[in-house]
PDB file of N, CA and C in Angstrom:
ATOM      1  N   MET A   1       0.841  -1.174   0.000  1.00  0.00           N
ATOM      2  CA  MET A   1       0.000   0.000   0.000  1.00  0.00           C
ATOM      3  C   MET A   1       0.891   1.244   0.000  1.00  0.00           C
ATOM      4  N   ARG A   2       0.599   2.182  -0.859  1.00  0.00           N
ATOM      5  CA  ARG A   2       1.373   3.415  -0.950  1.00  0.00           C
ATOM      6  C   ARG A   2       0.697   4.507  -0.133  1.00  0.00           C
ATOM      7  N   HIS A   3       1.487   5.152   0.694  1.00  0.00           N
ATOM      8  CA  HIS A   3       0.996   6.300   1.461  1.00  0.00           C
ATOM      9  C   HIS A   3       1.651   7.534   0.860  1.00  0.00           C
ATOM     10  N   ASP A   4       0.878   8.344   0.167  1.00  0.00           N
ATOM     11  CA  ASP A   4       1.414   9.504  -0.531  1.00  0.00           C
ATOM     12  C   ASP A   4       1.744  10.619   0.452  1.00  0.00           C
ATOM     13  N   ILE A   5       3.017  11.010   0.501  1.00  0.00           N
ATOM     14  CA  ILE A   5       3.430  12.091   1.397  1.00  0.00           C
ATOM     15  C   ILE A   5       3.405  13.447   0.705  1.00  0.00           C
ATOM     16  N   TYR A   6       3.161  13.475  -0.606  1.00  0.00           N
ATOM     17  CA  TYR A   6       3.159  14.732  -1.354  1.00  0.00           C
ATOM     18  C   TYR A   6       1.758  15.338  -1.345  1.00  0.00           C
ATOM     19  N   THR A   7       1.303  15.737  -0.160  1.00  0.00           N
ATOM     20  CA  THR A   7      -0.055  16.239   0.002  1.00  0.00           C
ATOM     21  C   THR A   7      -0.133  17.757   0.129  1.00  0.00           C
ATOM     22  N   MET A   8       1.005  18.419   0.206  1.00  0.00           N
ATOM     23  CA  MET A   8       0.980  19.884   0.276  1.00  0.00           C
ATOM     24  C   MET A   8       0.720  20.423  -1.134  1.00  0.00           C
ATOM     25  N   PRO A   9       0.232  21.652  -1.242  1.00  0.00           N
ATOM     26  CA  PRO A   9      -0.133  22.188  -2.558  1.00  0.00           C
ATOM     27  C   PRO A   9       1.051  22.221  -3.533  1.00  0.00           C
ATOM     28  N   GLU A  10       0.756  21.883  -4.783  1.00  0.00           N
ATOM     29  CA  GLU A  10       1.763  22.002  -5.843  1.00  0.00           C
ATOM     30  C   GLU A  10       1.899  23.473  -6.205  1.00  0.00           C
ATOM     31  N   VAL A  11       3.142  23.922  -6.377  1.00  0.00           N
ATOM     32  CA  VAL A  11       3.418  25.324  -6.675  1.00  0.00           C
ATOM     33  C   VAL A  11       4.161  25.390  -8.002  1.00  0.00           C
ATOM     34  N   VAL A  12       3.690  26.254  -8.915  1.00  0.00           N
ATOM     35  CA  VAL A  12       4.303  26.415 -10.231  1.00  0.00           C
ATOM     36  C   VAL A  12       4.671  27.880 -10.412  1.00  0.00           C
ATOM     37  N   PHE A  13       5.927  28.135 -10.819  1.00  0.00           N
ATOM     38  CA  PHE A  13       6.334  29.505 -11.091  1.00  0.00           C
ATOM     39  C   PHE A  13       7.560  29.518 -12.007  1.00  0.00           C
ATOM     40  N   VAL A  14       7.942  30.709 -12.467  1.00  0.00           N
ATOM     41  CA  VAL A  14       9.084  30.896 -13.347  1.00  0.00           C
ATOM     42  C   VAL A  14      10.321  31.185 -12.500  1.00  0.00           C
ATOM     43  N   SER A  15      11.434  30.585 -12.853  1.00  0.00           N
ATOM     44  CA  SER A  15      12.701  30.801 -12.156  1.00  0.00           C
ATOM     45  C   SER A  15      12.999  32.295 -12.045  1.00  0.00           C
ATOM     46  N   GLY A  16      13.386  32.737 -10.857  1.00  0.00           N
ATOM     47  CA  GLY A  16      13.714  34.141 -10.634  1.00  0.00           C
ATOM     48  C   GLY A  16      12.525  35.003 -10.265  1.00  0.00           C
ATOM     49  N   GLN A  17      11.351  34.420 -10.202  1.00  0.00           N
ATOM     50  CA  GLN A  17      10.150  35.169  -9.842  1.00  0.00           C
ATOM     51  C   GLN A  17      10.103  35.384  -8.336  1.00  0.00           C
ATOM     52  N   SER A  18       9.700  36.577  -7.898  1.00  0.00           N
ATOM     53  CA  SER A  18       9.487  36.831  -6.476  1.00  0.00           C
ATOM     54  C   SER A  18       8.247  36.073  -6.028  1.00  0.00           C
ATOM     55  N   ASN A  19       8.332  35.415  -4.873  1.00  0.00           N
ATOM     56  CA  ASN A  19       7.212  34.625  -4.388  1.00  0.00           C
ATOM     57  C   ASN A  19       7.082  34.739  -2.881  1.00  0.00           C
ATOM     58  N   THR A  20       5.854  34.770  -2.420  1.00  0.00           N
ATOM     59  CA  THR A  20       5.545  34.630  -1.001  1.00  0.00           C
ATOM     60  C   THR A  20       4.531  33.506  -0.888  1.00  0.00           C
ATOM     61  N   PHE A  21       4.855  32.511  -0.078  1.00  0.00           N
ATOM     62  CA  PHE A  21       3.972  31.368   0.111  1.00  0.00           C
ATOM     63  C   PHE A  21       3.418  31.379   1.527  1.00  0.00           C
ATOM     64  N   HIS A  22       2.139  31.022   1.645  1.00  0.00           N
ATOM     65  CA  HIS A  22       1.463  30.928   2.939  1.00  0.00           C
ATOM     66  C   HIS A  22       0.823  29.552   3.074  1.00  0.00           C
ATOM     67  N   TRP A  23       0.927  28.991   4.273  1.00  0.00           N
ATOM     68  CA  TRP A  23       0.261  27.735   4.594  1.00  0.00           C
ATOM     69  C   TRP A  23      -0.521  27.939   5.885  1.00  0.00           C
ATOM     70  N   HIS A  24      -1.810  27.666   5.847  1.00  0.00           N
ATOM     71  CA  HIS A  24      -2.647  27.747   7.041  1.00  0.00           C
ATOM     72  C   HIS A  24      -2.486  26.445   7.813  1.00  0.00           C
ATOM     73  N   LEU A  25      -2.168  26.557   9.085  1.00  0.00           N
ATOM     74  CA  LEU A  25      -1.865  25.401   9.921  1.00  0.00           C
ATOM     75  C   LEU A  25      -3.043  25.057  10.821  1.00  0.00           C
ATOM     76  N   PHE A  26      -3.354  23.749  10.870  1.00  0.00           N
ATOM     77  CA  PHE A  26      -4.464  23.273  11.686  1.00  0.00           C
ATOM     78  C   PHE A  26      -4.043  22.015  12.430  1.00  0.00           C
ATOM     79  N   THR A  27      -4.703  21.764  13.545  1.00  0.00           N
ATOM     80  CA  THR A  27      -4.480  20.528  14.292  1.00  0.00           C
ATOM     81  C   THR A  27      -5.219  19.393  13.591  1.00  0.00           C
ATOM     82  N   MET A  28      -5.012  18.175  14.079  1.00  0.00           N
ATOM     83  CA  MET A  28      -5.701  17.018  13.504  1.00  0.00           C
ATOM     84  C   MET A  28      -7.222  17.133  13.649  1.00  0.00           C
ATOM     85  N   SER A  29      -7.682  17.889  14.645  1.00  0.00           N
ATOM     86  CA  SER A  29      -9.126  18.083  14.838  1.00  0.00           C
ATOM     87  C   SER A  29      -9.643  19.305  14.072  1.00  0.00           C
ATOM     88  N   HIS A  30      -8.814  19.858  13.187  1.00  0.00           N
ATOM     89  CA  HIS A  30      -9.163  20.979  12.302  1.00  0.00           C
ATOM     90  C   HIS A  30      -9.311  22.316  13.017  1.00  0.00           C
ATOM     91  N   ALA A  31      -8.777  22.426  14.215  1.00  0.00           N
ATOM     92  CA  ALA A  31      -8.730  23.716  14.911  1.00  0.00           C
ATOM     93  C   ALA A  31      -7.465  24.437  14.471  1.00  0.00           C
ATOM     94  N   PRO A  32      -7.467  25.780  14.455  1.00  0.00           N
ATOM     95  CA  PRO A  32      -6.248  26.502  14.093  1.00  0.00           C
ATOM     96  C   PRO A  32      -5.090  26.119  15.024  1.00  0.00           C
ATOM     97  N   PHE A  33      -3.950  25.773  14.440  1.00  0.00           N
ATOM     98  CA  PHE A  33      -2.758  25.427  15.208  1.00  0.00           C
ATOM     99  C   PHE A  33      -2.079  26.714  15.647  1.00  0.00           C
ATOM    100  N   ASN A  34      -1.845  26.877  16.934  1.00  0.00           N
ATOM    101  CA  ASN A  34      -1.199  28.082  17.443  1.00  0.00           C
ATOM    102  C   ASN A  34       0.321  27.910  17.384  1.00  0.00           C
ATOM    103  N   ALA A  35       0.955  28.613  16.446  1.00  0.00           N
ATOM    104  CA  ALA A  35       2.392  28.513  16.249  1.00  0.00           C
ATOM    105  C   ALA A  35       3.159  29.569  17.041  1.00  0.00           C
ATOM    106  N   ASP A  36       2.498  30.247  17.962  1.00  0.00           N
ATOM    107  CA  ASP A  36       3.179  31.249  18.781  1.00  0.00           C
ATOM    108  C   ASP A  36       4.303  30.581  19.562  1.00  0.00           C
ATOM    109  N   GLY A  37       5.516  31.091  19.431  1.00  0.00           N
ATOM    110  CA  GLY A  37       6.673  30.529  20.111  1.00  0.00           C
ATOM    111  C   GLY A  37       7.370  29.431  19.326  1.00  0.00           C
ATOM    112  N   CYS A  38       6.807  29.033  18.194  1.00  0.00           N
ATOM    113  CA  CYS A  38       7.420  27.986  17.373  1.00  0.00           C
ATOM    114  C   CYS A  38       8.478  28.580  16.438  1.00  0.00           C
ATOM    115  N   THR A  39       9.364  27.724  15.971  1.00  0.00           N
ATOM    116  CA  THR A  39      10.293  28.083  14.902  1.00  0.00           C
ATOM    117  C   THR A  39       9.999  27.170  13.728  1.00  0.00           C
ATOM    118  N   GLY A  40      10.373  27.607  12.546  1.00  0.00           N
ATOM    119  CA  GLY A  40      10.085  26.803  11.370  1.00  0.00           C
ATOM    120  C   GLY A  40      11.107  26.991  10.278  1.00  0.00           C
ATOM    121  N   ASN A  41      11.096  26.044   9.339  1.00  0.00           N
ATOM    122  CA  ASN A  41      12.027  26.073   8.220  1.00  0.00           C
ATOM    123  C   ASN A  41      11.320  25.611   6.955  1.00  0.00           C
ATOM    124  N   PHE A  42      11.698  26.220   5.844  1.00  0.00           N
ATOM    125  CA  PHE A  42      11.246  25.850   4.502  1.00  0.00           C
ATOM    126  C   PHE A  42      12.466  25.350   3.760  1.00  0.00           C
ATOM    127  N   ALA A  43      12.382  24.159   3.177  1.00  0.00           N
ATOM    128  CA  ALA A  43      13.524  23.589   2.468  1.00  0.00           C
ATOM    129  C   ALA A  43      13.077  23.020   1.129  1.00  0.00           C
ATOM    130  N   VAL A  44      14.007  23.064   0.153  1.00  0.00           N
ATOM    131  CA  VAL A  44      13.751  22.570  -1.196  1.00  0.00           C
ATOM    132  C   VAL A  44      14.900  21.670  -1.619  1.00  0.00           C
ATOM    133  N   VAL A  45      14.561  20.503  -2.186  1.00  0.00           N
ATOM    134  CA  VAL A  45      15.560  19.605  -2.774  1.00  0.00           C
ATOM    135  C   VAL A  45      15.133  19.266  -4.192  1.00  0.00           C
ATOM    136  N   ASP A  46      16.105  18.824  -4.991  1.00  0.00           N
ATOM    137  CA  ASP A  46      15.834  18.382  -6.353  1.00  0.00           C
ATOM    138  C   ASP A  46      15.062  17.067  -6.300  1.00  0.00           C
ATOM    139  N   TYR A  47      14.049  16.942  -7.122  1.00  0.00           N
ATOM    140  CA  TYR A  47      13.232  15.729  -7.136  1.00  0.00           C
ATOM    141  C   TYR A  47      14.058  14.495  -7.494  1.00  0.00           C
ATOM    142  N   SER A  48      15.021  14.654  -8.399  1.00  0.00           N
ATOM    143  CA  SER A  48      15.793  13.497  -8.862  1.00  0.00           C
ATOM    144  C   SER A  48      16.965  13.154  -7.958  1.00  0.00           C
ATOM    145  N   ASP A  49      17.323  14.038  -7.028  1.00  0.00           N
ATOM    146  CA  ASP A  49      18.417  13.768  -6.085  1.00  0.00           C
ATOM    147  C   ASP A  49      18.019  14.313  -4.728  1.00  0.00           C
ATOM    148  N   GLN A  50      17.338  13.485  -3.957  1.00  0.00           N
ATOM    149  CA  GLN A  50      16.804  13.924  -2.681  1.00  0.00           C
ATOM    150  C   GLN A  50      17.755  13.661  -1.521  1.00  0.00           C
ATOM    151  N   THR A  51      18.979  13.223  -1.814  1.00  0.00           N
ATOM    152  CA  THR A  51      19.908  12.850  -0.747  1.00  0.00           C
ATOM    153  C   THR A  51      20.848  13.967  -0.333  1.00  0.00           C
ATOM    154  N   GLY A  52      21.008  14.975  -1.141  1.00  0.00           N
ATOM    155  CA  GLY A  52      21.958  16.041  -0.828  1.00  0.00           C
ATOM    156  C   GLY A  52      21.371  17.089   0.098  1.00  0.00           C
ATOM    157  N   ASP A  53      22.186  18.098   0.380  1.00  0.00           N
ATOM    158  CA  ASP A  53      21.728  19.225   1.180  1.00  0.00           C
ATOM    159  C   ASP A  53      20.636  19.977   0.423  1.00  0.00           C
ATOM    160  N   PRO A  54      19.750  20.654   1.156  1.00  0.00           N
ATOM    161  CA  PRO A  54      18.709  21.437   0.478  1.00  0.00           C
ATOM    162  C   PRO A  54      19.316  22.519  -0.420  1.00  0.00           C
ATOM    163  N   LEU A  55      18.689  22.744  -1.557  1.00  0.00           N
ATOM    164  CA  LEU A  55      19.094  23.825  -2.462  1.00  0.00           C
ATOM    165  C   LEU A  55      18.679  25.176  -1.887  1.00  0.00           C
ATOM    166  N   ILE A  56      17.569  25.166  -1.169  1.00  0.00           N
ATOM    167  CA  ILE A  56      17.061  26.360  -0.484  1.00  0.00           C
ATOM    168  C   ILE A  56      16.676  25.930   0.926  1.00  0.00           C
ATOM    169  N   SER A  57      17.053  26.713   1.908  1.00  0.00           N
ATOM    170  CA  SER A  57      16.651  26.486   3.296  1.00  0.00           C
ATOM    171  C   SER A  57      16.498  27.853   3.947  1.00  0.00           C
ATOM    172  N   LYS A  58      15.264  28.160   4.362  1.00  0.00           N
ATOM    173  CA  LYS A  58      14.964  29.484   4.916  1.00  0.00           C
ATOM    174  C   LYS A  58      14.051  29.357   6.128  1.00  0.00           C
ATOM    175  N   PRO A  59      14.184  30.285   7.066  1.00  0.00           N
ATOM    176  CA  PRO A  59      13.259  30.270   8.212  1.00  0.00           C
ATOM    177  C   PRO A  59      11.844  30.660   7.784  1.00  0.00           C
ATOM    178  N   LEU A  60      10.875  30.074   8.451  1.00  0.00           N
ATOM    179  CA  LEU A  60       9.478  30.449   8.258  1.00  0.00           C
ATOM    180  C   LEU A  60       9.122  31.599   9.198  1.00  0.00           C
ATOM    181  N   LYS A  61       8.172  32.412   8.780  1.00  0.00           N
ATOM    182  CA  LYS A  61       7.555  33.404   9.655  1.00  0.00           C
ATOM    183  C   LYS A  61       6.177  32.857  10.012  1.00  0.00           C
ATOM    184  N   PHE A  62       5.691  33.204  11.190  1.00  0.00           N
ATOM    185  CA  PHE A  62       4.347  32.801  11.583  1.00  0.00           C
ATOM    186  C   PHE A  62       3.500  34.056  11.755  1.00  0.00           C
ATOM    187  N   LEU A  63       2.384  34.093  11.046  1.00  0.00           N
ATOM    188  CA  LEU A  63       1.505  35.251  11.010  1.00  0.00           C
ATOM    189  C   LEU A  63       0.160  34.926  11.641  1.00  0.00           C
ATOM    190  N   VAL A  64      -0.510  35.979  12.102  1.00  0.00           N
ATOM    191  CA  VAL A  64      -1.849  35.815  12.675  1.00  0.00           C
ATOM    192  C   VAL A  64      -2.824  35.511  11.548  1.00  0.00           C
ATOM    193  N   GLY A  65      -3.616  34.488  11.744  1.00  0.00           N
ATOM    194  CA  GLY A  65      -4.604  34.079  10.744  1.00  0.00           C
ATOM    195  C   GLY A  65      -5.954  33.877  11.376  1.00  0.00           C
ATOM    196  N   ASP A  66      -6.461  32.650  11.296  1.00  0.00           N
ATOM    197  CA  ASP A  66      -7.804  32.318  11.780  1.00  0.00           C
ATOM    198  C   ASP A  66      -7.944  32.547  13.282  1.00  0.00           C
ATOM    199  N   ASN A  67      -9.059  33.140  13.654  1.00  0.00           N
ATOM    200  CA  ASN A  67      -9.405  33.357  15.070  1.00  0.00           C
ATOM    201  C   ASN A  67      -8.316  34.088  15.845  1.00  0.00           C
ATOM    202  N   GLU A  68      -7.600  34.985  15.169  1.00  0.00           N
ATOM    203  CA  GLU A  68      -6.539  35.779  15.802  1.00  0.00           C
ATOM    204  C   GLU A  68      -5.435  34.904  16.395  1.00  0.00           C
ATOM    205  N   VAL A  69      -5.192  33.746  15.797  1.00  0.00           N
ATOM    206  CA  VAL A  69      -4.151  32.813  16.232  1.00  0.00           C
ATOM    207  C   VAL A  69      -3.043  32.819  15.186  1.00  0.00           C
ATOM    208  N   LYS A  70      -1.796  32.740  15.640  1.00  0.00           N
ATOM    209  CA  LYS A  70      -0.667  32.657  14.705  1.00  0.00           C
ATOM    210  C   LYS A  70      -0.662  31.264  14.074  1.00  0.00           C
ATOM    211  N   ASN A  71      -1.466  31.092  13.033  1.00  0.00           N
ATOM    212  CA  ASN A  71      -1.532  29.781  12.405  1.00  0.00           C
ATOM    213  C   ASN A  71      -1.245  29.827  10.903  1.00  0.00           C
ATOM    214  N   VAL A  72      -0.525  30.838  10.462  1.00  0.00           N
ATOM    215  CA  VAL A  72      -0.130  30.931   9.062  1.00  0.00           C
ATOM    216  C   VAL A  72       1.394  30.932   8.998  1.00  0.00           C
ATOM    217  N   ALA A  73       1.939  29.919   8.323  1.00  0.00           N
ATOM    218  CA  ALA A  73       3.390  29.865   8.083  1.00  0.00           C
ATOM    219  C   ALA A  73       3.646  30.553   6.750  1.00  0.00           C
ATOM    220  N   ALA A  74       4.702  31.364   6.682  1.00  0.00           N
ATOM    221  CA  ALA A  74       4.997  32.116   5.463  1.00  0.00           C
ATOM    222  C   ALA A  74       6.492  32.109   5.182  1.00  0.00           C
ATOM    223  N   VAL A  75       6.816  32.138   3.900  1.00  0.00           N
ATOM    224  CA  VAL A  75       8.208  32.279   3.468  1.00  0.00           C
ATOM    225  C   VAL A  75       8.224  33.154   2.217  1.00  0.00           C
ATOM    226  N   ASP A  76       9.237  34.006   2.126  1.00  0.00           N
ATOM    227  CA  ASP A  76       9.448  34.850   0.951  1.00  0.00           C
ATOM    228  C   ASP A  76      10.639  34.306   0.179  1.00  0.00           C
ATOM    229  N   LEU A  77      10.452  34.058  -1.112  1.00  0.00           N
ATOM    230  CA  LEU A  77      11.567  33.667  -1.968  1.00  0.00           C
ATOM    231  C   LEU A  77      11.949  34.862  -2.831  1.00  0.00           C
ATOM    232  N   GLU A  78      13.220  35.188  -2.794  1.00  0.00           N
ATOM    233  CA  GLU A  78      13.729  36.288  -3.597  1.00  0.00           C
ATOM    234  C   GLU A  78      14.176  35.753  -4.949  1.00  0.00           C
ATOM    235  N   PRO A  79      14.182  36.607  -5.977  1.00  0.00           N
ATOM    236  CA  PRO A  79      14.557  36.147  -7.315  1.00  0.00           C
ATOM    237  C   PRO A  79      15.891  35.398  -7.366  1.00  0.00           C
ATOM    238  N   ARG A  80      16.899  35.869  -6.651  1.00  0.00           N
ATOM    239  CA  ARG A  80      18.224  35.243  -6.698  1.00  0.00           C
ATOM    240  C   ARG A  80      18.223  33.814  -6.159  1.00  0.00           C
ATOM    241  N   GLU A  81      17.234  33.467  -5.328  1.00  0.00           N
ATOM    242  CA  GLU A  81      17.206  32.145  -4.707  1.00  0.00           C
ATOM    243  C   GLU A  81      16.740  31.047  -5.663  1.00  0.00           C
ATOM    244  N   THR A  82      15.991  31.426  -6.690  1.00  0.00           N
ATOM    245  CA  THR A  82      15.513  30.414  -7.639  1.00  0.00           C
ATOM    246  C   THR A  82      16.065  30.619  -9.043  1.00  0.00           C
ATOM    247  N   LEU A  83      16.784  31.710  -9.272  1.00  0.00           N
ATOM    248  CA  LEU A  83      17.344  31.971 -10.588  1.00  0.00           C
ATOM    249  C   LEU A  83      18.295  30.842 -10.969  1.00  0.00           C
ATOM    250  N   GLY A  84      18.116  30.282 -12.131  1.00  0.00           N
ATOM    251  CA  GLY A  84      18.953  29.176 -12.588  1.00  0.00           C
ATOM    252  C   GLY A  84      18.342  27.815 -12.301  1.00  0.00           C
ATOM    253  N   LEU A  85      17.306  27.760 -11.463  1.00  0.00           N
ATOM    254  CA  LEU A  85      16.636  26.493 -11.209  1.00  0.00           C
ATOM    255  C   LEU A  85      15.529  26.294 -12.243  1.00  0.00           C
ATOM    256  N   HIS A  86      15.369  25.080 -12.698  1.00  0.00           N
ATOM    257  CA  HIS A  86      14.214  24.733 -13.519  1.00  0.00           C
ATOM    258  C   HIS A  86      14.042  23.223 -13.486  1.00  0.00           C
ATOM    259  N   GLY A  87      12.799  22.809 -13.348  1.00  0.00           N
ATOM    260  CA  GLY A  87      12.494  21.393 -13.256  1.00  0.00           C
ATOM    261  C   GLY A  87      11.570  21.119 -12.079  1.00  0.00           C
ATOM    262  N   LYS A  88      11.634  19.885 -11.597  1.00  0.00           N
ATOM    263  CA  LYS A  88      10.752  19.437 -10.520  1.00  0.00           C
ATOM    264  C   LYS A  88      11.539  19.353  -9.218  1.00  0.00           C
ATOM    265  N   TYR A  89      10.988  19.932  -8.162  1.00  0.00           N
ATOM    266  CA  TYR A  89      11.614  19.982  -6.851  1.00  0.00           C
ATOM    267  C   TYR A  89      10.594  19.568  -5.798  1.00  0.00           C
ATOM    268  N   ILE A  90      11.090  19.223  -4.629  1.00  0.00           N
ATOM    269  CA  ILE A  90      10.243  18.896  -3.487  1.00  0.00           C
ATOM    270  C   ILE A  90      10.484  19.942  -2.409  1.00  0.00           C
ATOM    271  N   TYR A  91       9.404  20.446  -1.825  1.00  0.00           N
ATOM    272  CA  TYR A  91       9.555  21.356  -0.694  1.00  0.00           C
ATOM    273  C   TYR A  91       8.946  20.727   0.547  1.00  0.00           C
ATOM    274  N   GLN A  92       9.448  21.188   1.675  1.00  0.00           N
ATOM    275  CA  GLN A  92       8.973  20.694   2.968  1.00  0.00           C
ATOM    276  C   GLN A  92       9.038  21.834   3.962  1.00  0.00           C
ATOM    277  N   ILE A  93       8.028  21.943   4.808  1.00  0.00           N
ATOM    278  CA  ILE A  93       8.122  22.852   5.943  1.00  0.00           C
ATOM    279  C   ILE A  93       8.223  22.010   7.207  1.00  0.00           C
ATOM    280  N   THR A  94       9.039  22.486   8.139  1.00  0.00           N
ATOM    281  CA  THR A  94       9.236  21.814   9.420  1.00  0.00           C
ATOM    282  C   THR A  94       8.962  22.835  10.507  1.00  0.00           C
ATOM    283  N   ILE A  95       8.170  22.442  11.482  1.00  0.00           N
ATOM    284  CA  ILE A  95       7.808  23.340  12.583  1.00  0.00           C
ATOM    285  C   ILE A  95       8.240  22.694  13.887  1.00  0.00           C
ATOM    286  N   LYS A  96       8.990  23.459  14.704  1.00  0.00           N
ATOM    287  CA  LYS A  96       9.391  22.978  16.029  1.00  0.00           C
ATOM    288  C   LYS A  96       8.713  23.838  17.083  1.00  0.00           C
ATOM    289  N   ASP A  97       8.105  23.168  18.067  1.00  0.00           N
ATOM    290  CA  ASP A  97       7.446  23.907  19.141  1.00  0.00           C
ATOM    291  C   ASP A  97       8.462  24.295  20.215  1.00  0.00           C
ATOM    292  N   VAL A  98       7.989  24.944  21.265  1.00  0.00           N
ATOM    293  CA  VAL A  98       8.880  25.448  22.311  1.00  0.00           C
ATOM    294  C   VAL A  98       9.618  24.326  23.034  1.00  0.00           C
ATOM    295  N   ASP A  99       9.097  23.096  22.983  1.00  0.00           N
ATOM    296  CA  ASP A  99       9.752  21.950  23.611  1.00  0.00           C
ATOM    297  C   ASP A  99      10.701  21.225  22.655  1.00  0.00           C
ATOM    298  N   GLY A 100      10.818  21.726  21.416  1.00  0.00           N
ATOM    299  CA  GLY A 100      11.699  21.102  20.437  1.00  0.00           C
ATOM    300  C   GLY A 100      11.070  19.957  19.663  1.00  0.00           C
ATOM    301  N   GLU A 101       9.782  19.709  19.901  1.00  0.00           N
ATOM    302  CA  GLU A 101       9.072  18.660  19.149  1.00  0.00           C
ATOM    303  C   GLU A 101       8.830  19.148  17.721  1.00  0.00           C
ATOM    304  N   ALA A 102       9.121  18.288  16.749  1.00  0.00           N
ATOM    305  CA  ALA A 102       9.007  18.681  15.340  1.00  0.00           C
ATOM    306  C   ALA A 102       7.741  18.125  14.710  1.00  0.00           C
ATOM    307  N   GLU A 103       7.151  18.922  13.845  1.00  0.00           N
ATOM    308  CA  GLU A 103       5.995  18.513  13.041  1.00  0.00           C
ATOM    309  C   GLU A 103       6.325  18.820  11.588  1.00  0.00           C
ATOM    310  N   ILE A 104       6.116  17.832  10.724  1.00  0.00           N
ATOM    311  CA  ILE A 104       6.353  18.002   9.292  1.00  0.00           C
ATOM    312  C   ILE A 104       5.056  17.643   8.578  1.00  0.00           C
ATOM    313  N   PRO A 105       4.323  18.656   8.091  1.00  0.00           N
ATOM    314  CA  PRO A 105       3.033  18.373   7.450  1.00  0.00           C
ATOM    315  C   PRO A 105       3.189  17.893   6.008  1.00  0.00           C
ATOM    316  N   ASN A 106       3.924  16.782   5.850  1.00  0.00           N
ATOM    317  CA  ASN A 106       4.175  16.161   4.551  1.00  0.00           C
ATOM    318  C   ASN A 106       4.999  17.070   3.636  1.00  0.00           C
ATOM    319  N   GLN A 107       4.948  16.821   2.342  1.00  0.00           N
ATOM    320  CA  GLN A 107       5.778  17.543   1.384  1.00  0.00           C
ATOM    321  C   GLN A 107       4.934  17.924   0.176  1.00  0.00           C
ATOM    322  N   GLY A 108       5.494  18.792  -0.664  1.00  0.00           N
ATOM    323  CA  GLY A 108       4.805  19.210  -1.884  1.00  0.00           C
ATOM    324  C   GLY A 108       5.790  19.393  -3.017  1.00  0.00           C
ATOM    325  N   PHE A 109       5.262  19.563  -4.215  1.00  0.00           N
ATOM    326  CA  PHE A 109       6.094  19.744  -5.406  1.00  0.00           C
ATOM    327  C   PHE A 109       6.199  21.217  -5.778  1.00  0.00           C
ATOM    328  N   LEU A 110       7.404  21.623  -6.180  1.00  0.00           N
ATOM    329  CA  LEU A 110       7.640  22.906  -6.825  1.00  0.00           C
ATOM    330  C   LEU A 110       7.976  22.585  -8.269  1.00  0.00           C
ATOM    331  N   LEU A 111       7.259  23.171  -9.185  1.00  0.00           N
ATOM    332  CA  LEU A 111       7.566  23.029 -10.607  1.00  0.00           C
ATOM    333  C   LEU A 111       8.046  24.391 -11.082  1.00  0.00           C
ATOM    334  N   ILE A 112       9.332  24.473 -11.365  1.00  0.00           N
ATOM    335  CA  ILE A 112       9.945  25.753 -11.721  1.00  0.00           C
ATOM    336  C   ILE A 112      10.265  25.737 -13.216  1.00  0.00           C
ATOM    337  N   THR A 113       9.697  26.685 -13.929  1.00  0.00           N
ATOM    338  CA  THR A 113       9.892  26.814 -15.364  1.00  0.00           C
ATOM    339  C   THR A 113      11.134  27.655 -15.644  1.00  0.00           C
ATOM    340  N   HIS A 114      11.871  27.272 -16.667  1.00  0.00           N
ATOM    341  CA  HIS A 114      13.077  28.006 -17.077  1.00  0.00           C
ATOM    342  C   HIS A 114      12.714  29.450 -17.422  1.00  0.00           C
ATOM    343  N   ASN A 115      13.495  30.393 -16.932  1.00  0.00           N
ATOM    344  CA  ASN A 115      13.307  31.809 -17.218  1.00  0.00           C
ATOM    345  C   ASN A 115      13.997  32.109 -18.538  1.00  0.00           C
ATOM    346  N   ILE A 116      13.259  32.617 -19.514  1.00  0.00           N
ATOM    347  CA  ILE A 116      13.838  32.874 -20.835  1.00  0.00           C
ATOM    348  C   ILE A 116      14.646  34.162 -20.881  1.00  0.00           C
ATOM    349  N   ASN A 117      14.654  34.920 -19.776  1.00  0.00           N
ATOM    350  CA  ASN A 117      15.402  36.184 -19.753  1.00  0.00           C
ATOM    351  C   ASN A 117      16.145  36.338 -18.430  1.00  0.00           C
ATOM    352  N   GLU A 118      16.909  35.316 -18.040  1.00  0.00           N
ATOM    353  CA  GLU A 118      17.638  35.346 -16.775  1.00  0.00           C
ATOM    354  C   GLU A 118      18.622  36.493 -16.683  1.00  0.00           C
ATOM    355  N   SER A 119      19.248  36.846 -17.798  1.00  0.00           N
ATOM    356  CA  SER A 119      20.284  37.900 -17.772  1.00  0.00           C
ATOM    357  C   SER A 119      19.719  39.231 -17.301  1.00  0.00           C
ATOM    358  N   PHE A 120      18.436  39.475 -17.503  1.00  0.00           N
ATOM    359  CA  PHE A 120      17.811  40.709 -17.034  1.00  0.00           C
ATOM    360  C   PHE A 120      17.791  40.797 -15.526  1.00  0.00           C
ATOM    361  N   LEU A 121      17.729  39.651 -14.845  1.00  0.00           N
ATOM    362  CA  LEU A 121      17.642  39.614 -13.388  1.00  0.00           C
ATOM    363  C   LEU A 121      19.000  39.544 -12.702  1.00  0.00           C
ATOM    364  N   LYS A 122      20.054  39.348 -13.459  1.00  0.00           N
ATOM    365  CA  LYS A 122      21.397  39.224 -12.862  1.00  0.00           C
ATOM    366  C   LYS A 122      22.023  40.575 -12.628  1.00  0.00           C
TER     367      LYS A 122
END
């Protein structure tokens, strides 16, 4: 039996594009997850080589969302961070609470299209 871990939203964009991603966080009972005091990370690896270090690794920000609870994880990608990338990638967010317990809400795909005018962004 296959258990699909790629349940986070698929994201498609052009290499070098500015991006801000948001994920609304909920508990297993569908209540807003309070990320106040938590730390988080956003990481990206190549789909065809998932064994190396992440190509991108950035801290997450936690924003106030549903019911005035900090339950929105956010990351900003700057053009220089994806310039030169194109193809299929896997992203993952990791959240650690104040006790150091980690939660990983599965993974998702990044599909990055080749930028036909990269030299303009360099």
